Structures are given as structure tokens and as C-alpha cells.
Amino acid sequence: MDLLGDWWTPLVLREAYYGIRRFDEFQHELGIARNTLSDRLRRLVDEGLLEKELYSTEPKRYEYLLTEKGRDFFGVIAAMSHWGDTWLAGEAGPPMVFHHKSCDNDTHAEVVCAECREALRSEDVTMQMGPGYPERLRERPDVQRRFARQAEASRSSEEKPV
């Protein structure tokens, strides 16, 4: 969230998915201040979601291209768009539609279990410490309580009669 927790960063990425590559194009499409855009592009490059490619030497100018990491973030943007279409779109419908070239159908993002392909819903999922959970945090009382609540919620939902 440190990287994406501001208003502009997802919008810069959205424009990159639309094919925008140059600083002036980003600025024109978003109406963003030059210093703010410079900061967001620098952070996205530093984090590996975009890469800079020189396209002019006099003066030096760069294009900002999506990396594999940046392209992989598309699912997050698509899921956010689907949520907005579900809860915020007016009577006319969603402001934008995703069209899947492979099957030639309009579609939307769905978050599903990688194993069984069922929809992932908050009430059907518990979070557990993974192998990469920071060792220094594992024994903190607040962390222990958080994961204990998850385990308790999971047990109590399994015990309820259907």
C-alpha cells in the first residue's frame, strides 16, 4: 500500500494499460501536476512496474513501458474496476467495458481460488501466516490475536448446522 496507496498511482498505471508511454501524454490525459507525475513515475520505475526507455537524445526524453511486474498488476486494476462497476456505476451502466480478444466477449474480472476456481469471498477465506511472514513479528501479541481470531472464526463457521 505504500506504493499504491495514493490517488494518482493507479491512474498512472491505468493510462499505461491504455498505451500511454510518454510524460507529456500522461500529464495531458490525467491533468496531473508535473512534479506529482515525476514522483509517481519515478516510484513505479524504482519498484519495477515501469521501465524507462530513451526515445530522444536531443533533448533527452524517455518512454515509460510496463514491465512484466507492471503487466501482472492489471488484474488488480481490473478487479477494482469490476467493484466500481458493481457498486458505483449509474443506470446507464459501467463507464468502460473489458473486451477479451481471445474469446471475443465483453467480460469483467473475477477473483477465484487458484485450486478449485470458486469465487474468493471474505467470509470463505482465512488468512494464515505464510513462510515469508517476518520472524520479528510472529510472536507479537497483536499478531497472535489477529491470527487466533481468524482460526476461531473458521472453527465456529464449520460447527454451524446447515
Protein backbone atom coordinates (compact mmCIF):
# COMPACT_ATOMS: atom_id res chain seq x y z
CA MET A 1 0.00 0.00 0.00
CA ASP A 2 2.99 2.30 0.38
CA LEU A 3 3.39 2.15 -3.38
CA LEU A 4 -0.26 2.27 -4.42
CA GLY A 5 -1.96 4.00 -1.50
CA ASP A 6 -2.39 7.34 -3.23
CA TRP A 7 -4.89 8.63 -5.78
CA TRP A 8 -2.52 9.04 -8.73
CA THR A 9 -0.50 5.82 -8.90
CA PRO A 10 -3.32 3.50 -10.04
CA LEU A 11 -4.39 6.17 -12.56
CA VAL A 12 -0.87 6.37 -14.00
CA LEU A 13 -0.88 2.57 -14.34
CA ARG A 14 -4.33 2.64 -15.94
CA GLU A 15 -3.06 5.06 -18.57
CA ALA A 16 -0.08 2.79 -19.20
CA TYR A 17 -2.55 -0.07 -19.87
CA TYR A 18 -4.28 2.23 -22.38
CA GLY A 19 -0.94 2.53 -24.15
CA ILE A 20 0.25 5.90 -22.85
CA ARG A 21 4.06 5.94 -22.70
CA ARG A 22 5.34 9.50 -22.64
CA PHE A 23 5.44 12.01 -19.81
CA ASP A 24 3.51 14.71 -21.70
CA GLU A 25 0.81 12.19 -22.67
CA PHE A 26 0.38 11.07 -19.05
CA GLN A 27 0.17 14.69 -17.95
CA HIS A 28 -2.34 15.61 -20.64
CA GLU A 29 -4.61 12.60 -20.03
CA LEU A 30 -4.58 12.88 -16.24
CA GLY A 31 -4.33 16.64 -15.71
CA ILE A 32 -1.70 15.92 -13.07
CA ALA A 33 0.95 18.37 -11.87
CA ARG A 34 4.39 17.77 -13.40
CA ASN A 35 6.10 17.29 -10.02
CA THR A 36 3.45 14.79 -8.86
CA LEU A 37 3.69 12.85 -12.12
CA SER A 38 7.51 12.84 -11.94
CA ASP A 39 7.32 11.42 -8.43
CA ARG A 40 4.79 8.70 -9.36
CA LEU A 41 6.71 7.64 -12.47
CA ARG A 42 9.98 7.53 -10.51
CA ARG A 43 8.39 5.34 -7.83
CA LEU A 44 6.88 2.99 -10.41
CA VAL A 45 10.27 2.68 -12.12
CA ASP A 46 12.06 2.18 -8.77
CA GLU A 47 9.56 -0.55 -7.82
CA GLY A 48 9.93 -2.28 -11.19
CA LEU A 49 6.40 -1.77 -12.57
CA LEU A 50 7.63 0.55 -15.33
CA GLU A 51 10.95 0.92 -17.10
CA LYS A 52 12.38 3.98 -18.81
CA GLU A 53 13.49 3.75 -22.42
CA LEU A 54 15.26 6.62 -24.14
CA TYR A 55 13.48 7.69 -27.35
CA SER A 56 15.15 11.08 -27.96
CA THR A 57 18.66 12.25 -27.19
CA GLU A 58 18.23 15.95 -28.04
CA PRO A 59 16.62 16.72 -25.66
CA LYS A 60 16.74 13.52 -23.57
CA ARG A 61 13.24 12.09 -23.39
CA TYR A 62 12.02 8.76 -22.14
CA GLU A 63 9.07 6.47 -22.64
CA TYR A 64 7.68 4.57 -19.67
CA LEU A 65 6.97 0.95 -20.54
CA LEU A 66 5.18 -1.65 -18.45
CA THR A 67 7.43 -4.42 -17.17
CA GLU A 68 6.25 -7.96 -16.52
CA LYS A 69 5.61 -6.90 -12.92
CA GLY A 70 3.57 -3.92 -14.15
CA ARG A 71 1.58 -6.02 -16.62
CA ASP A 72 0.87 -8.53 -13.85
CA PHE A 73 -0.75 -5.75 -11.80
CA PHE A 74 -3.50 -5.46 -14.45
CA GLY A 75 -5.66 -7.99 -12.57
CA VAL A 76 -5.75 -5.68 -9.55
CA ILE A 77 -6.90 -2.75 -11.69
CA ALA A 78 -9.47 -4.97 -13.43
CA ALA A 79 -10.82 -6.19 -10.07
CA MET A 80 -11.07 -2.61 -8.80
CA SER A 81 -12.91 -1.64 -11.97
CA HIS A 82 -15.38 -4.51 -11.56
CA TRP A 83 -16.06 -3.47 -7.96
CA GLY A 84 -16.69 0.11 -9.12
CA ASP A 85 -18.97 -1.10 -11.92
CA THR A 86 -20.95 -3.19 -9.42
CA TRP A 87 -21.33 -0.56 -6.70
CA LEU A 88 -20.81 2.84 -8.27
CA ALA A 89 -21.98 2.72 -11.90
CA GLY A 90 -25.12 4.67 -12.69
CA GLU A 91 -28.22 3.46 -14.51
CA ALA A 92 -26.50 3.80 -17.89
CA GLY A 93 -24.08 1.05 -16.86
CA PRO A 94 -20.33 0.83 -16.49
CA PRO A 95 -18.27 3.64 -17.98
CA MET A 96 -15.85 1.17 -19.59
CA VAL A 97 -16.08 -2.45 -20.67
CA PHE A 98 -13.27 -5.00 -20.86
CA HIS A 99 -13.32 -6.92 -24.15
CA HIS A 100 -11.36 -10.19 -24.14
CA LYS A 101 -9.65 -10.60 -27.50
CA SER A 102 -9.14 -14.37 -27.15
CA CYS A 103 -12.83 -15.25 -26.91
CA ASP A 104 -14.22 -12.03 -28.43
CA ASN A 105 -16.54 -11.37 -25.48
CA ASP A 106 -17.07 -8.48 -23.09
CA THR A 107 -16.07 -9.56 -19.61
CA HIS A 108 -15.11 -8.48 -16.10
CA ALA A 109 -12.54 -9.59 -13.55
CA GLU A 110 -13.31 -12.29 -11.05
CA VAL A 111 -11.09 -13.31 -8.16
CA VAL A 112 -11.18 -17.07 -7.82
CA CYS A 113 -9.38 -19.77 -5.88
CA ALA A 114 -6.36 -20.97 -7.84
CA GLU A 115 -7.16 -24.56 -6.80
CA CYS A 116 -10.93 -25.07 -7.17
CA ARG A 117 -11.82 -21.97 -9.24
CA GLU A 118 -14.64 -20.93 -6.84
CA ALA A 119 -15.07 -17.21 -6.17
CA LEU A 120 -12.98 -15.94 -3.27
CA ARG A 121 -15.25 -14.21 -0.75
CA SER A 122 -14.06 -12.77 2.54
CA GLU A 123 -16.40 -14.99 4.54
CA ASP A 124 -14.94 -18.11 2.92
CA VAL A 125 -11.27 -17.33 3.47
CA THR A 126 -8.99 -17.22 6.50
CA MET A 127 -5.55 -15.70 6.47
CA GLN A 128 -2.67 -17.65 7.99
CA MET A 129 0.97 -16.82 8.50
CA GLY A 130 2.93 -17.81 5.45
CA PRO A 131 6.56 -18.87 5.31
CA GLY A 132 7.61 -15.30 4.50
CA TYR A 133 5.86 -13.73 7.47
CA PRO A 134 8.52 -11.65 9.25
CA GLU A 135 10.08 -13.62 12.10
CA ARG A 136 10.32 -10.47 14.24
CA LEU A 137 6.51 -10.09 14.11
CA ARG A 138 5.41 -13.71 14.66
CA GLU A 139 5.44 -13.55 18.47
CA ARG A 140 3.89 -10.10 18.90
CA PRO A 141 0.66 -10.31 20.93
CA ASP A 142 -1.36 -8.27 18.42
CA VAL A 143 -0.25 -10.55 15.58
CA GLN A 144 -1.07 -13.65 17.61
CA ARG A 145 -4.54 -12.26 18.39
CA ARG A 146 -5.17 -11.43 14.72
CA PHE A 147 -4.43 -14.96 13.54
CA ALA A 148 -6.18 -16.55 16.54
CA ARG A 149 -9.37 -14.64 15.62
CA GLN A 150 -9.10 -15.98 12.08
CA ALA A 151 -8.71 -19.56 13.32
CA GLU A 152 -11.62 -19.17 15.78
CA ALA A 153 -13.88 -17.72 13.08
CA SER A 154 -13.01 -20.63 10.83
CA ARG A 155 -13.79 -23.23 13.52
CA SER A 156 -17.10 -21.61 14.51
CA SER A 157 -18.30 -21.41 10.90
CA GLU A 158 -17.52 -25.13 10.43
CA GLU A 159 -19.57 -26.01 13.55
CA LYS A 160 -22.76 -24.21 12.44
CA PRO A 161 -25.56 -26.53 11.25
CA VAL A 162 -26.55 -26.16 7.64
